[in-house]
Protein backbone atom coordinates (compact mmCIF):
# COMPACT_ATOMS: atom_id res chain seq x y z
CA MET A 1 0.36 -0.02 0.13
CA GLN A 2 1.01 3.59 -0.44
CA PRO A 3 2.96 4.83 2.54
CA PRO A 4 2.26 7.78 4.64
CA ALA A 5 3.07 11.14 3.45
CA HIS A 6 6.16 12.74 5.15
CA PRO A 7 5.33 15.57 7.18
CA ALA A 8 7.95 17.77 4.88
CA ALA A 9 5.53 16.95 2.06
CA GLN A 10 2.56 19.00 3.47
CA CYS A 11 4.16 22.50 2.54
CA GLY A 12 2.93 23.09 -0.66
CA ALA A 13 1.31 19.76 -1.24
CA ALA A 14 -1.66 21.38 -2.98
CA PRO A 15 -0.22 23.03 -5.82
CA GLN A 16 1.78 19.82 -6.10
CA ARG A 17 -0.95 17.73 -6.51
CA ARG A 18 -3.02 19.74 -8.84
CA ARG A 19 0.47 19.66 -11.08
CA ALA A 20 0.44 15.71 -10.71
CA LEU A 21 -2.93 15.40 -11.45
CA ALA A 22 -2.93 17.94 -14.60
CA PHE A 23 0.35 15.48 -15.77
CA VAL A 24 -2.00 12.33 -15.37
CA LEU A 25 -4.81 13.99 -17.12
CA THR A 26 -2.31 14.98 -19.99
CA ILE A 27 -0.57 11.50 -20.45
CA GLY A 28 -4.50 10.35 -20.17
CA VAL A 29 -5.72 12.15 -23.08
CA LEU A 30 -3.14 11.37 -25.31
CA SER A 31 -3.34 7.72 -24.47
CA LEU A 32 -6.45 8.11 -25.30
CA PHE A 33 -5.84 8.86 -29.03
CA ALA A 34 -2.90 6.35 -28.90
CA ASP A 35 -5.81 3.04 -27.93
CA CYS A 36 -8.37 4.67 -30.04
CA THR A 37 -5.74 3.96 -32.86
CA TYR A 38 -4.39 0.79 -32.00
CA GLU A 39 -7.09 -0.81 -30.41
CA GLY A 40 -9.76 -0.03 -33.04
CA SER A 41 -7.11 -1.93 -35.38
CA ARG A 42 -6.89 -4.81 -32.99
CA ALA A 43 -10.91 -4.98 -32.53
CA VAL A 44 -10.79 -6.48 -36.20
CA LEU A 45 -7.19 -7.74 -36.93
CA GLY A 46 -8.33 -11.35 -36.19
CA PRO A 47 -11.15 -11.06 -38.84
CA TYR A 48 -8.61 -9.00 -41.15
CA LEU A 49 -5.74 -11.52 -40.77
CA GLY A 50 -8.29 -14.43 -41.77
CA VAL A 51 -9.39 -12.77 -44.50
CA LEU A 52 -5.85 -12.26 -45.73
CA GLY A 53 -5.46 -16.14 -45.52
CA ALA A 54 -3.77 -16.60 -41.97
CA SER A 55 -4.84 -19.27 -39.74
CA ALA A 56 -6.04 -19.53 -36.22
CA LEU A 57 -2.56 -20.97 -35.22
CA ALA A 58 -0.94 -17.97 -37.19
CA ILE A 59 -3.12 -15.55 -35.95
CA SER A 60 -2.69 -16.75 -32.43
CA SER A 61 1.39 -16.82 -32.67
CA VAL A 62 2.00 -13.91 -34.64
CA THR A 63 -0.23 -11.76 -32.12
CA GLY A 64 1.96 -13.35 -29.26
CA PHE A 65 5.07 -12.83 -31.26
CA GLY A 66 3.86 -9.39 -31.40
CA GLU A 67 3.62 -9.07 -27.81
CA LEU A 68 6.93 -11.03 -27.31
CA ALA A 69 8.71 -8.57 -29.08
CA GLY A 70 7.42 -5.26 -27.63
CA TYR A 71 7.54 -6.57 -24.23
CA ALA A 72 11.39 -7.95 -24.41
CA LEU A 73 12.18 -4.52 -25.72
CA ARG A 74 10.78 -2.65 -22.67
CA LEU A 75 14.00 -4.59 -20.77
CA PHE A 76 16.17 -2.14 -22.96
CA SER A 77 14.29 1.00 -23.16
CA GLY A 78 13.35 0.84 -19.43
CA ARG A 79 17.30 0.67 -18.75
CA ALA A 80 18.03 3.45 -21.68
CA ALA A 81 15.71 5.69 -19.71
CA ASP A 82 16.98 5.22 -16.32
CA ARG A 83 20.48 5.89 -17.31
CA THR A 84 19.74 8.68 -19.80
CA ARG A 85 16.96 10.23 -18.36
CA ALA A 86 15.92 10.91 -21.95
CA PHE A 87 12.59 9.61 -20.80
CA TRP A 88 10.20 11.94 -23.63
CA PRO A 89 12.81 11.41 -26.68
CA ILE A 90 11.93 7.47 -25.95
CA ILE A 91 8.52 8.22 -25.70
CA LEU A 92 8.15 10.22 -28.73
CA VAL A 93 10.12 7.77 -30.88
CA GLY A 94 7.73 4.96 -29.61
CA TYR A 95 4.54 6.72 -30.28
CA THR A 96 5.49 7.71 -33.62
CA VAL A 97 6.47 4.34 -34.65
CA GLN A 98 3.17 2.61 -33.26
CA MET A 99 1.33 5.42 -34.82
CA LEU A 100 2.72 5.26 -37.86
CA SER A 101 2.04 1.35 -38.40
CA VAL A 102 -1.57 1.13 -37.51
CA PRO A 103 -2.61 3.09 -40.79
CA ALA A 104 -0.16 1.43 -42.93
CA LEU A 105 -2.26 -1.77 -42.48
CA ALA A 106 -4.33 -0.15 -45.23
CA LEU A 107 -1.74 -0.64 -47.76
CA VAL A 108 -1.16 -4.40 -47.31
CA HIS A 109 -2.15 -7.86 -49.47
CA THR A 110 -0.75 -10.33 -47.52
CA TRP A 111 -1.24 -11.71 -43.64
CA PRO A 112 2.59 -11.96 -43.34
CA GLN A 113 2.92 -7.92 -44.60
CA ALA A 114 0.06 -7.11 -41.91
CA ALA A 115 2.16 -9.42 -39.66
CA ALA A 116 4.62 -7.26 -39.81
CA LEU A 117 2.99 -4.31 -39.27
CA LEU A 118 1.34 -5.79 -36.41
CA ILE A 119 4.87 -6.47 -34.66
CA LEU A 120 6.15 -2.98 -35.36
CA GLU A 121 3.38 -1.29 -33.86
CA ARG A 122 3.95 -3.60 -30.60
CA ILE A 123 7.48 -2.64 -30.64
CA GLY A 124 6.60 1.11 -30.52
CA LYS A 125 4.77 0.50 -27.45
CA GLY A 126 7.40 -1.71 -25.84
CA LEU A 127 9.66 1.52 -26.29
CA ARG A 128 7.06 4.00 -24.75
CA ASN A 129 5.68 2.10 -21.89
CA PRO A 130 8.59 1.79 -19.27
CA PRO A 131 9.66 5.78 -19.36
CA ARG A 132 5.35 6.57 -19.68
CA ASP A 133 4.87 4.47 -16.73
CA ALA A 134 7.96 5.67 -14.32
CA LEU A 135 6.98 9.33 -14.75
CA LEU A 136 2.83 8.46 -14.01
CA SER A 137 4.56 6.50 -11.04
CA HIS A 138 6.22 9.69 -9.79
CA ALA A 139 3.17 11.34 -10.23
CA GLY A 140 1.06 8.86 -8.43
CA ARG A 141 3.00 9.62 -5.29
CA SER A 142 2.19 13.20 -5.37
CA LEU A 143 -1.44 12.16 -5.58
CA GLY A 144 -1.34 10.08 -2.84
CA GLY A 145 -2.00 6.72 -4.37
CA TYR A 146 -0.10 4.92 -7.26
CA GLY A 147 -3.75 2.91 -8.02
CA TRP A 148 -5.56 6.36 -8.48
CA ALA A 149 -2.84 7.32 -10.95
CA PHE A 150 -2.67 4.65 -12.88
CA GLY A 151 -6.39 3.55 -12.61
CA LEU A 152 -7.41 7.17 -13.89
CA HIS A 153 -4.61 7.17 -16.60
CA GLU A 154 -6.12 3.70 -17.61
CA ALA A 155 -9.70 5.14 -17.63
CA LEU A 156 -9.11 7.90 -19.94
CA ASP A 157 -7.06 5.55 -21.99
CA GLN A 158 -9.63 2.78 -22.30
CA THR A 159 -12.11 5.36 -23.39
CA GLY A 160 -10.12 5.60 -26.27
CA ALA A 161 -10.00 1.87 -26.62
CA VAL A 162 -14.15 2.10 -26.73
CA LEU A 163 -13.76 4.91 -29.45
CA GLY A 164 -11.29 3.03 -31.94
CA PRO A 165 -13.38 0.04 -32.27
CA LEU A 166 -16.46 1.91 -32.67
CA LEU A 167 -14.98 4.33 -35.35
CA VAL A 168 -14.04 0.99 -36.94
CA ALA A 169 -17.48 -0.49 -36.57
CA ALA A 170 -19.30 2.55 -38.52
CA VAL A 171 -16.80 2.67 -41.31
CA LEU A 172 -16.98 -1.17 -41.73
CA SER A 173 -21.24 -0.70 -41.56
CA TRP A 174 -20.85 1.90 -44.06
CA ARG A 175 -18.34 0.34 -46.67
CA HIS A 176 -17.50 -3.09 -45.42
CA ASP A 177 -13.78 -2.25 -46.34
CA PHE A 178 -11.35 -3.37 -43.69
CA ARG A 179 -8.21 -1.32 -45.39
CA LEU A 180 -10.60 1.79 -45.44
CA ALA A 181 -11.22 1.53 -41.77
CA TYR A 182 -7.61 1.26 -41.11
CA ALA A 183 -6.98 4.34 -43.02
CA TRP A 184 -9.63 6.52 -40.71
CA LEU A 185 -7.30 5.41 -38.12
CA ALA A 186 -4.60 7.76 -39.33
CA VAL A 187 -6.81 10.79 -37.58
CA PRO A 188 -6.45 9.76 -34.06
CA ALA A 189 -2.93 9.03 -34.88
CA LEU A 190 -1.86 11.95 -36.12
CA ILE A 191 -3.60 13.90 -33.10
CA ASN A 192 -1.70 11.73 -30.86
CA LEU A 193 1.65 12.56 -32.26
CA ALA A 194 0.55 16.31 -31.76
CA LEU A 195 -0.38 15.83 -28.21
CA VAL A 196 2.99 13.97 -27.12
CA LEU A 197 4.68 17.03 -28.41
CA ARG A 198 2.99 19.20 -26.43
CA ALA A 199 3.17 17.38 -22.97
CA ARG A 200 7.10 17.25 -23.80
CA ARG A 201 6.88 21.00 -23.98
CA VAL A 202 4.50 21.76 -20.98
CA TYR A 203 6.03 18.90 -18.61
CA PRO A 204 9.47 18.74 -19.73
CA ARG A 205 10.93 17.34 -16.42
CA PRO A 206 7.73 15.08 -15.06
CA GLN A 207 9.94 13.10 -12.37
CA GLU A 208 10.65 16.19 -10.10
CA LEU A 209 6.66 15.79 -9.70
CA GLU A 210 7.75 13.34 -6.95
CA GLN A 211 9.93 16.19 -4.87
CA VAL A 212 9.93 14.40 -1.69
CA PRO A 213 11.54 11.13 -1.49
CA PRO A 214 10.49 7.77 0.26
CA GLN A 215 12.33 6.95 3.22
CA PRO A 216 15.57 5.37 2.55
CA ALA A 217 16.03 1.83 2.70
CA ALA A 218 18.55 -0.19 3.34
CA PRO A 219 21.08 -0.89 0.03
CA GLN A 220 20.36 -4.11 -1.75
CA ARG A 221 21.12 -5.68 -4.78
CA GLY A 222 18.33 -6.62 -7.23
CA HIS A 223 14.45 -5.85 -6.42
CA GLY A 224 14.05 -8.11 -3.53
CA HIS A 225 12.04 -11.39 -3.04
CA ALA A 226 8.42 -9.65 -3.30
CA PHE A 227 9.25 -8.60 -6.61
CA TRP A 228 10.30 -12.18 -8.21
CA LEU A 229 7.16 -13.65 -6.49
CA TYR A 230 4.61 -11.10 -8.01
CA LEU A 231 6.74 -11.32 -11.66
CA ALA A 232 6.27 -15.12 -11.21
CA ALA A 233 2.62 -14.31 -10.58
CA ALA A 234 1.83 -11.67 -13.42
CA CYS A 235 3.80 -14.11 -16.04
CA LEU A 236 1.10 -16.86 -15.13
CA VAL A 237 -1.64 -14.51 -15.68
CA ALA A 238 -0.26 -13.01 -18.81
CA ALA A 239 0.50 -17.04 -20.35
CA GLY A 240 -3.24 -18.18 -19.82
CA TYR A 241 -4.46 -14.63 -21.02
CA ALA A 242 -5.79 -15.21 -24.99
CA ASP A 243 -5.48 -12.67 -27.22
CA TYR A 244 -8.32 -10.62 -28.48
CA PRO A 245 -7.69 -11.48 -32.11
CA LEU A 246 -8.10 -14.98 -31.88
CA ILE A 247 -11.14 -14.62 -29.72
CA ALA A 248 -12.45 -12.57 -32.57
CA PHE A 249 -11.83 -15.26 -35.14
CA HIS A 250 -13.40 -17.82 -32.79
CA LEU A 251 -16.91 -15.65 -32.71
CA HIS A 252 -16.42 -14.58 -36.28
CA ALA A 253 -15.94 -18.63 -37.32
CA HIS A 254 -18.77 -19.95 -34.79
CA ASP A 255 -21.13 -16.97 -35.55
CA ALA A 256 -21.32 -16.05 -31.86
CA VAL A 257 -20.90 -12.50 -32.64
CA SER A 258 -21.38 -11.88 -36.17
CA GLY A 259 -20.19 -9.09 -38.54
CA THR A 260 -19.28 -5.44 -37.14
CA TRP A 261 -20.48 -6.65 -33.64
CA ILE A 262 -17.23 -8.28 -32.83
CA ALA A 263 -15.65 -4.54 -32.94
CA GLN A 264 -18.49 -3.35 -31.09
CA ALA A 265 -17.76 -6.57 -28.51
CA TYR A 266 -14.09 -5.18 -28.11
CA ALA A 267 -15.50 -1.65 -27.52
CA LEU A 268 -17.61 -3.32 -24.53
CA ALA A 269 -14.18 -4.95 -23.26
CA MET A 270 -12.25 -1.59 -23.21
CA ALA A 271 -15.52 0.04 -21.80
CA VAL A 272 -15.38 -2.32 -18.62
CA ALA A 273 -11.33 -2.17 -18.60
CA GLY A 274 -11.65 1.77 -18.48
CA GLY A 275 -14.60 2.20 -16.14
CA GLY A 276 -13.45 -0.88 -13.55
CA SER A 277 -9.71 0.62 -13.78
CA LEU A 278 -10.83 3.50 -11.90
CA LEU A 279 -12.35 1.66 -9.00
CA PHE A 280 -9.61 -1.10 -8.72
CA GLY A 281 -7.19 1.86 -8.81
CA ARG A 282 -8.98 3.24 -5.62
CA TRP A 283 -9.35 -0.08 -4.03
CA PHE A 284 -6.10 -1.16 -4.25
CA ASP A 285 -5.28 2.17 -2.97
CA ARG A 286 -7.34 1.38 0.14
CA SER A 287 -6.67 -2.30 0.34
CA GLY A 288 -3.32 -3.42 -1.03
CA SER A 289 -1.80 -6.03 -3.43
CA ARG A 290 -4.70 -8.60 -2.08
CA VAL A 291 -7.48 -6.92 -4.39
CA LEU A 292 -5.57 -9.23 -7.51
CA LEU A 293 -7.08 -12.22 -6.21
CA PRO A 294 -11.04 -11.73 -6.66
CA LEU A 295 -9.78 -9.60 -9.94
CA THR A 296 -7.97 -12.92 -11.22
CA VAL A 297 -10.62 -15.48 -10.66
CA ALA A 298 -12.87 -13.17 -11.79
CA GLY A 299 -11.33 -12.24 -15.29
CA ALA A 300 -10.36 -16.18 -15.61
CA LEU A 301 -13.87 -16.98 -16.17
CA PHE A 302 -14.01 -15.23 -19.37
CA ALA A 303 -12.42 -18.43 -21.38
CA PRO A 304 -15.29 -20.79 -21.03
CA LEU A 305 -17.68 -18.20 -21.50
CA VAL A 306 -16.12 -17.41 -24.79
CA PHE A 307 -14.84 -20.69 -26.46
CA LEU A 308 -17.56 -23.08 -24.78
CA GLY A 309 -20.84 -20.73 -24.60
CA HIS A 310 -22.90 -20.97 -27.28
CA ALA A 311 -25.46 -18.40 -26.41
CA HIS A 312 -25.00 -14.73 -28.03
CA TRP A 313 -25.19 -13.47 -24.32
CA VAL A 314 -22.51 -15.82 -23.25
CA ALA A 315 -20.33 -14.60 -25.44
CA TRP A 316 -20.82 -11.30 -24.83
CA LEU A 317 -20.35 -11.65 -21.13
CA GLY A 318 -16.99 -13.35 -21.70
CA VAL A 319 -15.43 -10.46 -23.62
CA ALA A 320 -16.72 -8.11 -20.66
CA LEU A 321 -14.68 -10.50 -18.35
CA TRP A 322 -12.06 -10.58 -20.69
CA GLY A 323 -12.00 -6.44 -20.52
CA LEU A 324 -12.36 -6.57 -16.93
CA GLY A 325 -8.73 -8.54 -16.60
CA MET A 326 -7.12 -6.42 -19.38
CA GLY A 327 -8.38 -3.32 -16.86
CA VAL A 328 -6.21 -5.13 -14.32
CA HIS A 329 -3.33 -6.02 -16.13
CA GLU A 330 -3.12 -2.43 -17.40
CA SER A 331 -3.83 -0.25 -14.02
CA ILE A 332 -3.46 -2.31 -10.97
CA ILE A 333 -0.65 -4.72 -11.92
CA PRO A 334 1.60 -2.17 -12.80
CA ALA A 335 0.59 0.21 -9.38
CA ALA A 336 1.26 -2.72 -7.53
CA LEU A 337 4.80 -2.83 -8.61
CA ALA A 338 5.72 1.19 -8.60
CA PRO A 339 6.21 1.34 -4.02
CA ARG A 340 8.20 -2.13 -4.22
CA VAL A 341 11.01 -0.63 -6.12
CA ASP A 342 13.71 2.16 -6.31
CA PRO A 343 12.13 5.23 -7.49
CA ALA A 344 15.49 5.99 -9.27
CA ARG A 345 15.38 2.36 -11.27
CA ARG A 346 11.73 2.07 -11.80
CA ALA A 347 11.76 2.28 -15.65
CA SER A 348 14.64 -0.50 -15.73
CA ALA A 349 12.08 -2.16 -12.75
CA TYR A 350 9.11 -1.98 -15.36
CA GLY A 351 11.25 -2.80 -18.36
CA LEU A 352 12.68 -6.18 -16.63
CA PHE A 353 8.84 -6.88 -15.09
CA THR A 354 7.32 -6.39 -18.61
CA ALA A 355 9.77 -8.35 -20.52
CA ALA A 356 9.18 -11.33 -18.76
CA TYR A 357 5.73 -10.95 -18.83
CA GLY A 358 5.82 -10.44 -22.65
CA ALA A 359 7.62 -13.33 -22.65
CA ALA A 360 5.38 -15.35 -21.26
CA TRP A 361 2.24 -14.21 -23.20
CA PHE A 362 4.14 -15.25 -26.01
CA GLY A 363 4.95 -18.44 -24.74
CA GLY A 364 1.06 -18.83 -23.44
CA SER A 365 -0.18 -17.56 -26.92
CA VAL A 366 1.23 -20.16 -28.88
CA ALA A 367 0.12 -22.93 -26.23
CA ILE A 368 -3.16 -21.20 -26.58
CA GLY A 369 -3.03 -21.56 -30.61
CA VAL A 370 -2.06 -25.08 -30.45
CA LEU A 371 -4.49 -25.83 -28.19
CA TYR A 372 -7.41 -24.35 -29.94
CA GLN A 373 -6.74 -26.28 -33.13
CA ALA A 374 -6.54 -29.39 -30.85
CA ASP A 375 -9.51 -28.90 -28.61
CA VAL A 376 -11.42 -26.38 -27.34
CA ALA A 377 -11.84 -27.69 -23.97
CA TRP A 378 -7.79 -28.22 -23.57
CA LEU A 379 -7.34 -24.42 -24.14
CA VAL A 380 -10.10 -23.38 -21.33
CA ALA A 381 -8.48 -25.77 -18.95
CA PHE A 382 -5.39 -24.42 -19.72
CA CYS A 383 -6.24 -20.95 -19.28
CA LEU A 384 -8.05 -21.52 -15.74
CA LEU A 385 -4.75 -23.67 -14.52
CA THR A 386 -2.32 -20.99 -15.26
CA GLN A 387 -4.85 -18.19 -13.34
CA ALA A 388 -5.41 -21.01 -10.78
CA LEU A 389 -1.64 -21.36 -9.75
CA ALA A 390 -1.01 -17.44 -9.72
CA LEU A 391 -3.54 -16.89 -6.78
CA PRO A 392 -1.10 -18.49 -3.91
CA LEU A 393 1.75 -16.29 -5.58
CA PHE A 394 -0.31 -13.34 -5.24
CA ALA A 395 -1.57 -14.12 -1.71
CA ARG A 396 2.05 -14.15 -0.64
CA VAL A 397 2.77 -11.07 -2.21
CA ALA A 398 -0.30 -9.30 -0.37
CA ARG A 399 1.11 -10.54 2.82
CA SER A 400 4.79 -9.25 2.12
CA THR A 401 5.23 -5.20 3.35
CA ALA A 402 6.21 -3.24 0.80
CA PRO A 403 9.89 -1.99 0.50
CA HIS A 404 9.03 1.68 -0.35
């Protein structure tokens, strides 16, 4: 849980809090347009790759490899940010690569070409996330809660993740043209890049938002036992979480959710993720890491509902629970990491953490793709087992005392 404020922080705390809040809102708005772009893309990426000739295994493996490439790169971008303190240049390069890759999907004609752009988009996200999350964590301390900072950011982020799929659904209803839908995503992409440049100008050194350092801890090598326990639990959760492109492929192939409703189902998932993030963030600040236990159980239920359910409402419920789990992945999991690592090494810690997380996601995605083609029941069993194995590890982390 968030440690109590140092007495010296009381002087000038209100202006500092307002500036921290303004920074979180600024990053949240530029993330809104980023998510509008790439989540709009991912909403129909499964059917699009299918139309271009990709199989279920190819879709699952490519999306998983994209996550692996993006997450592995975070290990290096996090370290580079900590060593050079060049947070904004790394963030800007990452957003530029990511935002230009998505509308370029309108120009492809084969699924390997689309796969290359998908991987490039994930690489862009991998570059910019560790330094961005480190800066958000500094603002979170001034706001009085890491959960609130990450939850508020995630709510704005997921607002874009709702609007993007709805934009794509509208274009597909109008013209039934995947390429035209991807071309329209250039609009939020360009707005995002303009906002990133403005944020860099207004907040040149946002790491200074955390003016009062935490109480000094005894010097230690590495990140501590709780960090590694937490990392192992998060990797198990990642391994058992299916990518939405495979979910969309399954729903489309089995007519559980048809046509443009697949994009709207994704918008529902993102709405649940965004709305839940605000509640989860406050819950985390009050109760600590133990909130991950019931949330992990709830998120795990997506697998049987999506892949074994036959009624439309069951599929929609499964997608909503999948979105709930994604909200936890994007808000509570990074928030719970922040107080457990040295503030001067947070970008490196986020990079290491998410690199391992992405490797687990990739391995799980390949396994899920293989199991999908063999027997969907085995896929569901794998997803449930990995989430169940994470629970005792999360419980041990929740009982431990955060080092910072």
